[in-house]
C-alpha atoms as a PDB file:
ATOM      1  CA  MET A   1     120.979 114.087  81.984  1.00  0.00           C
ATOM      2  CA  PHE A   2     118.928 111.494  83.860  1.00  0.00           C
ATOM      3  CA  ASP A   3     117.060 108.622  82.257  1.00  0.00           C
ATOM      4  CA  LEU A   4     114.069 109.413  84.466  1.00  0.00           C
ATOM      5  CA  ILE A   5     112.848 112.109  86.837  1.00  0.00           C
ATOM      6  CA  ILE A   6     110.060 111.273  89.294  1.00  0.00           C
ATOM      7  CA  VAL A   7     108.121 114.231  90.687  1.00  0.00           C
ATOM      8  CA  GLY A   8     106.581 113.495  94.095  1.00  0.00           C
ATOM      9  CA  GLY A   9     107.467 111.768  97.368  1.00  0.00           C
ATOM     10  CA  GLY A  10     104.197 110.050  98.277  1.00  0.00           C
ATOM     11  CA  PRO A  11     103.298 106.352  97.894  1.00  0.00           C
ATOM     12  CA  ALA A  12     103.124 106.556  94.071  1.00  0.00           C
ATOM     13  CA  GLY A  13     106.403 108.430  93.661  1.00  0.00           C
ATOM     14  CA  ILE A  14     108.356 106.385  96.199  1.00  0.00           C
ATOM     15  CA  THR A  15     107.099 103.100  94.768  1.00  0.00           C
ATOM     16  CA  ALA A  16     108.088 104.243  91.277  1.00  0.00           C
ATOM     17  CA  GLY A  17     111.497 105.150  92.698  1.00  0.00           C
ATOM     18  CA  ILE A  18     111.988 101.727  94.267  1.00  0.00           C
ATOM     19  CA  TYR A  19     111.069  99.997  91.010  1.00  0.00           C
ATOM     20  CA  ALA A  20     113.315 102.355  89.014  1.00  0.00           C
ATOM     21  CA  ALA A  21     116.275 101.549  91.263  1.00  0.00           C
ATOM     22  CA  ARG A  22     115.623  97.825  90.867  1.00  0.00           C
ATOM     23  CA  LYS A  23     115.627  98.278  87.085  1.00  0.00           C
ATOM     24  CA  LYS A  24     118.955 100.172  87.313  1.00  0.00           C
ATOM     25  CA  ILE A  25     117.445 103.271  85.691  1.00  0.00           C
ATOM     26  CA  ASN A  26     119.456 106.454  86.285  1.00  0.00           C
ATOM     27  CA  THR A  27     116.768 108.281  88.294  1.00  0.00           C
ATOM     28  CA  LEU A  28     116.245 111.541  90.135  1.00  0.00           C
ATOM     29  CA  LEU A  29     113.314 111.906  92.529  1.00  0.00           C
ATOM     30  CA  ILE A  30     112.245 115.476  93.315  1.00  0.00           C
ATOM     31  CA  SER A  31     109.901 116.115  96.223  1.00  0.00           C
ATOM     32  CA  LYS A  32     108.866 119.127  98.252  1.00  0.00           C
ATOM     33  CA  ASP A  33     108.636 116.732 101.205  1.00  0.00           C
ATOM     34  CA  PHE A  34     107.972 113.115 102.033  1.00  0.00           C
ATOM     35  CA  ALA A  35     104.645 113.811 103.712  1.00  0.00           C
ATOM     36  CA  GLY A  36     101.820 114.889 101.428  1.00  0.00           C
ATOM     37  CA  GLN A  37      98.307 113.753 102.230  1.00  0.00           C
ATOM     38  CA  VAL A  38      99.336 110.375 103.660  1.00  0.00           C
ATOM     39  CA  GLY A  39     101.556 112.033 106.235  1.00  0.00           C
ATOM     40  CA  LYS A  40      98.487 113.808 107.598  1.00  0.00           C
ATOM     41  CA  ILE A  41      96.547 110.587 108.235  1.00  0.00           C
ATOM     42  CA  SER A  42      96.551 109.577 111.878  1.00  0.00           C
ATOM     43  CA  SER A  43      95.857 105.914 111.206  1.00  0.00           C
ATOM     44  CA  ILE A  44      96.092 103.620 108.165  1.00  0.00           C
ATOM     45  CA  ASP A  45      94.328 100.299 108.672  1.00  0.00           C
ATOM     46  CA  ASN A  46      93.764  99.164 105.079  1.00  0.00           C
ATOM     47  CA  TRP A  47      97.327  98.525 103.924  1.00  0.00           C
ATOM     48  CA  PRO A  48      97.552  94.743 103.365  1.00  0.00           C
ATOM     49  CA  GLY A  49      99.739  93.005 105.918  1.00  0.00           C
ATOM     50  CA  THR A  50      99.818  95.945 108.332  1.00  0.00           C
ATOM     51  CA  GLU A  51      96.845  96.151 110.667  1.00  0.00           C
ATOM     52  CA  ASN A  52      97.422  99.729 111.782  1.00  0.00           C
ATOM     53  CA  ILE A  53     100.098 102.364 111.276  1.00  0.00           C
ATOM     54  CA  SER A  54     100.251 106.162 111.371  1.00  0.00           C
ATOM     55  CA  GLY A  55     100.652 108.018 108.091  1.00  0.00           C
ATOM     56  CA  ILE A  56     103.970 109.513 109.173  1.00  0.00           C
ATOM     57  CA  GLU A  57     105.395 106.138 110.217  1.00  0.00           C
ATOM     58  CA  PHE A  58     104.095 104.557 107.006  1.00  0.00           C
ATOM     59  CA  LEU A  59     105.892 107.118 104.845  1.00  0.00           C
ATOM     60  CA  GLU A  60     109.056 106.807 106.911  1.00  0.00           C
ATOM     61  CA  ASN A  61     109.040 103.083 106.155  1.00  0.00           C
ATOM     62  CA  LEU A  62     108.620 103.763 102.430  1.00  0.00           C
ATOM     63  CA  LYS A  63     111.366 106.397 102.473  1.00  0.00           C
ATOM     64  CA  LYS A  64     113.726 104.051 104.344  1.00  0.00           C
ATOM     65  CA  HIS A  65     113.030 101.332 101.771  1.00  0.00           C
ATOM     66  CA  LEU A  66     113.733 103.751  98.909  1.00  0.00           C
ATOM     67  CA  LYS A  67     117.043 104.857 100.389  1.00  0.00           C
ATOM     68  CA  ARG A  68     118.293 101.280 100.471  1.00  0.00           C
ATOM     69  CA  PHE A  69     118.845 101.697  96.734  1.00  0.00           C
ATOM     70  CA  THR A  70     121.066 103.967  94.678  1.00  0.00           C
ATOM     71  CA  ILE A  71     118.834 106.839  93.591  1.00  0.00           C
ATOM     72  CA  ASP A  72     119.338 110.602  93.511  1.00  0.00           C
ATOM     73  CA  ILE A  73     116.897 112.550  95.692  1.00  0.00           C
ATOM     74  CA  LYS A  74     116.255 116.292  95.806  1.00  0.00           C
ATOM     75  CA  GLU A  75     114.101 116.926  98.877  1.00  0.00           C
ATOM     76  CA  GLY A  76     112.807 120.405  99.643  1.00  0.00           C
ATOM     77  CA  GLU A  77     112.469 121.412  96.008  1.00  0.00           C
ATOM     78  CA  GLU A  78     109.144 122.099  94.294  1.00  0.00           C
ATOM     79  CA  VAL A  79     108.675 121.683  90.544  1.00  0.00           C
ATOM     80  CA  PHE A  80     107.686 124.926  88.859  1.00  0.00           C
ATOM     81  CA  GLU A  81     107.589 123.885  85.195  1.00  0.00           C
ATOM     82  CA  ILE A  82     108.155 120.937  82.874  1.00  0.00           C
ATOM     83  CA  ARG A  83     109.129 121.670  79.280  1.00  0.00           C
ATOM     84  CA  LYS A  84     109.614 119.332  76.346  1.00  0.00           C
ATOM     85  CA  GLU A  85     112.865 119.718  74.466  1.00  0.00           C
ATOM     86  CA  LYS A  86     113.798 117.782  71.298  1.00  0.00           C
ATOM     87  CA  ASP A  87     114.540 114.374  72.804  1.00  0.00           C
ATOM     88  CA  SER A  88     114.205 115.125  76.489  1.00  0.00           C
ATOM     89  CA  PHE A  89     112.336 117.007  79.200  1.00  0.00           C
ATOM     90  CA  GLU A  90     113.586 119.928  81.259  1.00  0.00           C
ATOM     91  CA  ILE A  91     112.327 120.561  84.782  1.00  0.00           C
ATOM     92  CA  THR A  92     112.664 123.909  86.517  1.00  0.00           C
ATOM     93  CA  THR A  93     112.100 124.060  90.275  1.00  0.00           C
ATOM     94  CA  SER A  94     110.925 126.958  92.414  1.00  0.00           C
ATOM     95  CA  GLN A  95     114.570 127.310  93.490  1.00  0.00           C
ATOM     96  CA  LYS A  96     115.369 127.954  89.785  1.00  0.00           C
ATOM     97  CA  ASN A  97     117.355 124.735  89.496  1.00  0.00           C
ATOM     98  CA  LYS A  98     117.102 122.878  86.178  1.00  0.00           C
ATOM     99  CA  TYR A  99     117.199 119.119  85.590  1.00  0.00           C
ATOM    100  CA  SER A 100     116.910 117.134  82.367  1.00  0.00           C
ATOM    101  CA  ALA A 101     115.668 113.606  81.721  1.00  0.00           C
ATOM    102  CA  ARG A 102     114.597 111.342  78.890  1.00  0.00           C
ATOM    103  CA  ALA A 103     111.328 110.485  80.652  1.00  0.00           C
ATOM    104  CA  ILE A 104     109.179 111.845  83.487  1.00  0.00           C
ATOM    105  CA  ILE A 105     106.734 110.346  85.977  1.00  0.00           C
ATOM    106  CA  ILE A 106     104.479 112.897  87.686  1.00  0.00           C
ATOM    107  CA  ALA A 107     103.310 111.673  91.090  1.00  0.00           C
ATOM    108  CA  SER A 108     102.813 115.046  92.767  1.00  0.00           C
ATOM    109  CA  GLY A 109      99.523 114.206  94.476  1.00  0.00           C
ATOM    110  CA  VAL A 110      96.910 116.693  95.604  1.00  0.00           C
ATOM    111  CA  LYS A 111      96.422 119.676  97.916  1.00  0.00           C
ATOM    112  CA  PRO A 112      93.395 120.513 100.107  1.00  0.00           C
ATOM    113  CA  ARG A 113      90.385 122.153  98.476  1.00  0.00           C
ATOM    114  CA  LEU A 114      89.438 125.448 100.133  1.00  0.00           C
ATOM    115  CA  LEU A 115      85.948 126.334 101.338  1.00  0.00           C
ATOM    116  CA  GLY A 116      86.053 129.696  99.608  1.00  0.00           C
ATOM    117  CA  VAL A 117      83.984 131.499 102.237  1.00  0.00           C
ATOM    118  CA  PRO A 118      84.607 134.821 104.028  1.00  0.00           C
ATOM    119  CA  GLY A 119      87.009 134.419 106.927  1.00  0.00           C
ATOM    120  CA  GLU A 120      88.717 131.279 105.688  1.00  0.00           C
ATOM    121  CA  LYS A 121      91.985 132.732 104.453  1.00  0.00           C
ATOM    122  CA  GLU A 122      92.152 135.240 107.307  1.00  0.00           C
ATOM    123  CA  PHE A 123      92.079 132.488 109.951  1.00  0.00           C
ATOM    124  CA  ILE A 124      94.333 129.847 108.381  1.00  0.00           C
ATOM    125  CA  GLY A 125      96.695 128.918 111.186  1.00  0.00           C
ATOM    126  CA  ARG A 126      94.507 130.814 113.657  1.00  0.00           C
ATOM    127  CA  GLY A 127      91.771 128.256 114.091  1.00  0.00           C
ATOM    128  CA  ILE A 128      91.394 126.905 110.558  1.00  0.00           C
ATOM    129  CA  SER A 129      93.281 123.742 109.676  1.00  0.00           C
ATOM    130  CA  TYR A 130      93.361 121.174 106.902  1.00  0.00           C
ATOM    131  CA  CYS A 131      95.183 118.505 108.921  1.00  0.00           C
ATOM    132  CA  SER A 132      93.991 117.066 112.219  1.00  0.00           C
ATOM    133  CA  THR A 133      97.120 114.959 112.606  1.00  0.00           C
ATOM    134  CA  CYS A 134      99.180 118.162 112.459  1.00  0.00           C
ATOM    135  CA  ASP A 135      97.022 120.436 114.589  1.00  0.00           C
ATOM    136  CA  ALA A 136      94.581 118.440 116.749  1.00  0.00           C
ATOM    137  CA  PRO A 137      96.656 118.770 119.974  1.00  0.00           C
ATOM    138  CA  PHE A 138      96.249 122.578 119.803  1.00  0.00           C
ATOM    139  CA  PHE A 139      92.497 122.177 120.373  1.00  0.00           C
ATOM    140  CA  GLU A 140      92.634 120.424 123.721  1.00  0.00           C
ATOM    141  CA  GLY A 141      89.348 120.994 125.560  1.00  0.00           C
ATOM    142  CA  LYS A 142      87.872 123.148 122.765  1.00  0.00           C
ATOM    143  CA  THR A 143      84.814 122.932 120.526  1.00  0.00           C
ATOM    144  CA  VAL A 144      85.562 122.440 116.837  1.00  0.00           C
ATOM    145  CA  ALA A 145      83.801 121.826 113.541  1.00  0.00           C
ATOM    146  CA  VAL A 146      84.858 119.437 110.787  1.00  0.00           C
ATOM    147  CA  ILE A 147      83.605 120.385 107.337  1.00  0.00           C
ATOM    148  CA  GLY A 148      83.029 117.360 105.126  1.00  0.00           C
ATOM    149  CA  GLY A 149      81.176 114.090 105.655  1.00  0.00           C
ATOM    150  CA  GLY A 150      83.459 111.801 103.662  1.00  0.00           C
ATOM    151  CA  ASN A 151      86.052 109.411 105.017  1.00  0.00           C
ATOM    152  CA  ALA A 152      88.608 112.169 105.580  1.00  0.00           C
ATOM    153  CA  GLY A 153      86.135 114.262 107.567  1.00  0.00           C
ATOM    154  CA  PHE A 154      85.116 111.390 109.818  1.00  0.00           C
ATOM    155  CA  GLU A 155      88.740 110.320 110.311  1.00  0.00           C
ATOM    156  CA  ASP A 156      89.561 113.878 111.394  1.00  0.00           C
ATOM    157  CA  ALA A 157      86.586 113.971 113.767  1.00  0.00           C
ATOM    158  CA  LEU A 158      87.522 110.659 115.385  1.00  0.00           C
ATOM    159  CA  ASP A 159      91.130 111.815 115.724  1.00  0.00           C
ATOM    160  CA  LEU A 160      89.946 115.048 117.360  1.00  0.00           C
ATOM    161  CA  THR A 161      87.968 113.171 120.044  1.00  0.00           C
ATOM    162  CA  LYS A 162      91.273 112.582 121.816  1.00  0.00           C
ATOM    163  CA  TYR A 163      91.592 116.338 122.365  1.00  0.00           C
ATOM    164  CA  ALA A 164      88.464 118.422 121.730  1.00  0.00           C
ATOM    165  CA  LYS A 165      85.473 118.414 124.066  1.00  0.00           C
ATOM    166  CA  LYS A 166      82.922 118.718 121.251  1.00  0.00           C
ATOM    167  CA  ILE A 167      83.126 118.036 117.500  1.00  0.00           C
ATOM    168  CA  TYR A 168      80.511 118.987 114.909  1.00  0.00           C
ATOM    169  CA  ILE A 169      80.632 117.290 111.507  1.00  0.00           C
ATOM    170  CA  LEU A 170      78.958 119.427 108.826  1.00  0.00           C
ATOM    171  CA  GLU A 171      78.025 117.782 105.535  1.00  0.00           C
ATOM    172  CA  PHE A 172      76.687 119.715 102.548  1.00  0.00           C
ATOM    173  CA  SER A 173      74.506 116.900 101.220  1.00  0.00           C
ATOM    174  CA  SER A 174      71.655 115.088 102.935  1.00  0.00           C
ATOM    175  CA  GLU A 175      73.627 111.821 103.134  1.00  0.00           C
ATOM    176  CA  ILE A 176      76.858 110.730 104.769  1.00  0.00           C
ATOM    177  CA  ARG A 177      79.534 109.708 102.269  1.00  0.00           C
ATOM    178  CA  ALA A 178      81.918 108.064 104.744  1.00  0.00           C
ATOM    179  CA  ASP A 179      82.372 104.320 105.061  1.00  0.00           C
ATOM    180  CA  GLU A 180      79.882 102.610 107.352  1.00  0.00           C
ATOM    181  CA  ILE A 181      82.567 101.556 109.832  1.00  0.00           C
ATOM    182  CA  LEU A 182      83.585 105.211 110.363  1.00  0.00           C
ATOM    183  CA  LEU A 183      79.955 106.288 110.705  1.00  0.00           C
ATOM    184  CA  GLU A 184      79.355 103.621 113.353  1.00  0.00           C
ATOM    185  CA  GLN A 185      82.403 104.746 115.331  1.00  0.00           C
ATOM    186  CA  ALA A 186      81.285 108.383 115.175  1.00  0.00           C
ATOM    187  CA  LYS A 187      77.741 107.601 116.305  1.00  0.00           C
ATOM    188  CA  LYS A 188      79.084 105.755 119.334  1.00  0.00           C
ATOM    189  CA  ASN A 189      81.152 108.751 120.424  1.00  0.00           C
ATOM    190  CA  LYS A 190      79.170 111.252 122.501  1.00  0.00           C
ATOM    191  CA  LYS A 191      81.538 114.078 121.592  1.00  0.00           C
ATOM    192  CA  ILE A 192      80.515 113.986 117.924  1.00  0.00           C
ATOM    193  CA  GLU A 193      77.383 115.598 116.478  1.00  0.00           C
ATOM    194  CA  ILE A 194      76.554 115.240 112.772  1.00  0.00           C
ATOM    195  CA  ILE A 195      74.750 118.028 110.900  1.00  0.00           C
ATOM    196  CA  LEU A 196      73.510 117.277 107.374  1.00  0.00           C
ATOM    197  CA  SER A 197      72.388 119.619 104.570  1.00  0.00           C
ATOM    198  CA  ALA A 198      74.583 122.374 105.965  1.00  0.00           C
ATOM    199  CA  GLU A 199      76.235 124.961 103.714  1.00  0.00           C
ATOM    200  CA  VAL A 200      79.032 126.875 105.406  1.00  0.00           C
ATOM    201  CA  LYS A 201      78.703 130.597 104.728  1.00  0.00           C
ATOM    202  CA  GLU A 202      81.214 132.403 106.910  1.00  0.00           C
ATOM    203  CA  ILE A 203      83.841 132.032 109.630  1.00  0.00           C
ATOM    204  CA  LYS A 204      84.297 134.804 112.167  1.00  0.00           C
ATOM    205  CA  GLY A 205      86.530 135.709 115.062  1.00  0.00           C
ATOM    206  CA  LYS A 206      88.961 138.310 116.351  1.00  0.00           C
ATOM    207  CA  ASN A 207      92.477 137.001 116.770  1.00  0.00           C
ATOM    208  CA  PHE A 208      91.248 133.421 116.442  1.00  0.00           C
ATOM    209  CA  VAL A 209      88.150 131.645 115.169  1.00  0.00           C
ATOM    210  CA  SER A 210      85.154 132.026 117.458  1.00  0.00           C
ATOM    211  CA  ALA A 211      82.116 131.249 115.282  1.00  0.00           C
ATOM    212  CA  LEU A 212      81.000 129.435 112.151  1.00  0.00           C
ATOM    213  CA  PHE A 213      77.829 130.340 110.242  1.00  0.00           C
ATOM    214  CA  TYR A 214      75.982 127.872 108.036  1.00  0.00           C
ATOM    215  CA  GLN A 215      72.674 127.759 106.190  1.00  0.00           C
ATOM    216  CA  GLU A 216      70.205 124.910 106.393  1.00  0.00           C
ATOM    217  CA  LYS A 217      69.661 123.977 102.758  1.00  0.00           C
ATOM    218  CA  GLU A 218      65.950 123.178 103.057  1.00  0.00           C
ATOM    219  CA  SER A 219      64.724 125.860 105.462  1.00  0.00           C
ATOM    220  CA  LYS A 220      67.285 128.475 104.324  1.00  0.00           C
ATOM    221  CA  LYS A 221      67.735 129.435 107.979  1.00  0.00           C
ATOM    222  CA  MET A 222      71.117 130.734 109.068  1.00  0.00           C
ATOM    223  CA  LYS A 223      72.687 128.972 112.048  1.00  0.00           C
ATOM    224  CA  GLU A 224      75.652 129.853 114.203  1.00  0.00           C
ATOM    225  CA  LEU A 225      78.037 127.463 115.926  1.00  0.00           C
ATOM    226  CA  ALA A 226      80.351 128.733 118.654  1.00  0.00           C
ATOM    227  CA  VAL A 227      83.582 126.950 117.719  1.00  0.00           C
ATOM    228  CA  GLU A 228      87.251 127.642 118.301  1.00  0.00           C
ATOM    229  CA  GLY A 229      88.518 125.550 115.432  1.00  0.00           C
ATOM    230  CA  VAL A 230      87.465 124.533 111.918  1.00  0.00           C
ATOM    231  CA  PHE A 231      88.965 121.522 110.126  1.00  0.00           C
ATOM    232  CA  VAL A 232      88.281 121.510 106.391  1.00  0.00           C
ATOM    233  CA  GLN A 233      87.993 118.168 104.586  1.00  0.00           C
ATOM    234  CA  ILE A 234      86.011 118.771 101.394  1.00  0.00           C
ATOM    235  CA  GLY A 235      88.322 117.089  98.940  1.00  0.00           C
ATOM    236  CA  HIS A 236      91.521 117.904  97.163  1.00  0.00           C
ATOM    237  CA  ILE A 237      92.889 119.542  94.036  1.00  0.00           C
ATOM    238  CA  SER A 238      95.343 117.816  91.739  1.00  0.00           C
ATOM    239  CA  VAL A 239      98.858 119.317  91.810  1.00  0.00           C
ATOM    240  CA  GLY A 240      99.880 119.027  88.171  1.00  0.00           C
ATOM    241  CA  GLY A 241      99.583 122.519  86.742  1.00  0.00           C
ATOM    242  CA  PHE A 242     103.338 122.726  86.147  1.00  0.00           C
ATOM    243  CA  ALA A 243     102.847 120.327  83.205  1.00  0.00           C
ATOM    244  CA  LYS A 244      99.846 122.107  81.713  1.00  0.00           C
ATOM    245  CA  GLU A 245     101.434 122.458  78.259  1.00  0.00           C
ATOM    246  CA  LEU A 246     102.124 118.722  78.019  1.00  0.00           C
ATOM    247  CA  VAL A 247      99.077 116.991  79.500  1.00  0.00           C
ATOM    248  CA  ASP A 248      95.295 117.080  79.283  1.00  0.00           C
ATOM    249  CA  PHE A 249      93.104 117.534  82.370  1.00  0.00           C
ATOM    250  CA  ASN A 250      89.599 116.271  83.136  1.00  0.00           C
ATOM    251  CA  GLU A 251      86.805 118.323  84.707  1.00  0.00           C
ATOM    252  CA  LYS A 252      88.354 117.745  88.159  1.00  0.00           C
ATOM    253  CA  ASN A 253      91.694 119.147  86.971  1.00  0.00           C
ATOM    254  CA  GLU A 254      93.257 115.674  87.184  1.00  0.00           C
ATOM    255  CA  ILE A 255      95.834 114.561  84.627  1.00  0.00           C
ATOM    256  CA  LYS A 256      94.345 112.263  82.005  1.00  0.00           C
ATOM    257  CA  ILE A 257      96.303 109.056  81.496  1.00  0.00           C
ATOM    258  CA  ASP A 258      96.059 105.836  79.559  1.00  0.00           C
ATOM    259  CA  PHE A 259      94.819 103.527  82.318  1.00  0.00           C
ATOM    260  CA  GLN A 260      96.854 100.621  80.941  1.00  0.00           C
ATOM    261  CA  THR A 261     100.210 102.383  80.693  1.00  0.00           C
ATOM    262  CA  ASN A 262      99.852 105.593  82.769  1.00  0.00           C
ATOM    263  CA  GLU A 263     101.184 107.566  79.798  1.00  0.00           C
ATOM    264  CA  THR A 264      99.874 111.089  79.181  1.00  0.00           C
ATOM    265  CA  LYS A 265      99.289 112.601  75.740  1.00  0.00           C
ATOM    266  CA  THR A 266     103.021 113.375  75.526  1.00  0.00           C
ATOM    267  CA  PRO A 267     105.223 110.335  74.776  1.00  0.00           C
ATOM    268  CA  GLY A 268     107.674 109.703  77.599  1.00  0.00           C
ATOM    269  CA  LEU A 269     105.608 111.626  80.132  1.00  0.00           C
ATOM    270  CA  PHE A 270     103.770 109.400  82.616  1.00  0.00           C
ATOM    271  CA  ALA A 271     101.678 110.135  85.722  1.00  0.00           C
ATOM    272  CA  ALA A 272     100.612 108.086  88.742  1.00  0.00           C
ATOM    273  CA  GLY A 273      98.551 108.300  91.903  1.00  0.00           C
ATOM    274  CA  ASP A 274      96.070 110.892  93.116  1.00  0.00           C
ATOM    275  CA  VAL A 275      97.248 113.530  90.618  1.00  0.00           C
ATOM    276  CA  THR A 276      95.714 111.440  87.821  1.00  0.00           C
ATOM    277  CA  SER A 277      92.213 110.650  86.638  1.00  0.00           C
ATOM    278  CA  ILE A 278      92.073 107.214  88.281  1.00  0.00           C
ATOM    279  CA  PRO A 279      88.667 106.998  89.999  1.00  0.00           C
ATOM    280  CA  PHE A 280      89.766 105.726  93.417  1.00  0.00           C
ATOM    281  CA  LYS A 281      92.106 107.635  95.708  1.00  0.00           C
ATOM    282  CA  GLN A 282      93.601 105.048  98.049  1.00  0.00           C
ATOM    283  CA  VAL A 283      97.132 104.505  99.360  1.00  0.00           C
ATOM    284  CA  VAL A 284      97.341 100.943  98.071  1.00  0.00           C
ATOM    285  CA  ILE A 285      96.102 102.014  94.628  1.00  0.00           C
ATOM    286  CA  ALA A 286      98.541 104.926  94.448  1.00  0.00           C
ATOM    287  CA  ALA A 287     101.445 102.582  95.201  1.00  0.00           C
ATOM    288  CA  GLY A 288     100.268 100.142  92.542  1.00  0.00           C
ATOM    289  CA  GLU A 289      99.906 102.959  90.026  1.00  0.00           C
ATOM    290  CA  GLY A 290     103.457 104.081  90.786  1.00  0.00           C
ATOM    291  CA  ALA A 291     104.757 100.597  90.011  1.00  0.00           C
ATOM    292  CA  LYS A 292     102.689 100.381  86.822  1.00  0.00           C
ATOM    293  CA  ALA A 293     103.860 103.790  85.626  1.00  0.00           C
ATOM    294  CA  LEU A 294     107.498 102.849  86.153  1.00  0.00           C
ATOM    295  CA  LEU A 295     107.194  99.504  84.371  1.00  0.00           C
ATOM    296  CA  SER A 296     105.494 101.235  81.439  1.00  0.00           C
ATOM    297  CA  CYS A 297     108.159 103.944  81.442  1.00  0.00           C
ATOM    298  CA  HIS A 298     110.948 101.347  81.499  1.00  0.00           C
ATOM    299  CA  LYS A 299     109.389  99.599  78.504  1.00  0.00           C
ATOM    300  CA  TRP A 300     109.094 102.937  76.665  1.00  0.00           C
ATOM    301  CA  LEU A 301     112.727 103.840  77.356  1.00  0.00           C
ATOM    302  CA  LYS A 302     113.919 100.466  76.051  1.00  0.00           C
ATOM    303  CA  ASN A 303     111.671 100.459  72.991  1.00  0.00           C
ATOM    304  CA  ASN A 304     112.920 103.915  72.042  1.00  0.00           C
ATOM    305  CA  ASN A 305     116.589 103.021  72.611  1.00  0.00           C
ATOM    306  CA  LYS A 306     116.952 105.571  75.405  1.00  0.00           C
ATOM    307  CA  ILE A 307     118.545 103.131  77.883  1.00  0.00           C
END
């Protein structure tokens, strides 16, 4: 029986783990991997005190910091279900292992949102990607499309300029949602072409992607782009369904929390980071939320005479 189990190995989960170790809480951290969304970012330039660092290197630094302390870690396991027992919680993983704890912090993050168009699932790994950091080198000298005009889409497009010969950015709305600094960088790069009011309808190919079809929202005309790769960046879906019996979700399927304490509707069950209903999804915020969740959890454990 652990005092605490943390689910997730991203900035929120690792930060919670560091704080838990400092508080001498008997803690287990379970994570499918120590990558998540941050590990797919090619460059982080908004972490205070660090001008620029890759997502992978950033997470390696966090992981190294965590492992300085005494904390149990189960890497490579994915949580399948969380159940509430009388005075504790029981976690079952996809490997059918079971772990018990007096309190839980869910920091499981998000997964990419799919386009949901014909051809998408058929060509995943054969021209369709959700991670430029992972797959950009495979598109050396090719023409690709990035779907999504937010920060993630523009970051992918700028990353791809090191490899691809031509990059289209397709945005569903009539306005760009990315930060101005990213838009300025994209406009200066001759490889990038931005297409607004474009609704992707289908992706085609034989063994690999060869074409993308989209509809102009105003004219309703169908357009075809000859592309050999499609990078999808249209948002993410919260990964918290394994706790569906114990938490409430908002309309975005994010776990609802008390913004002051990070506690869910179930006493002793906390959540932090992108998996929650906090309005801003940023690395620095996720880390702060992980610390706040742990401090609240520590207070709850002490107040209820569980440690």
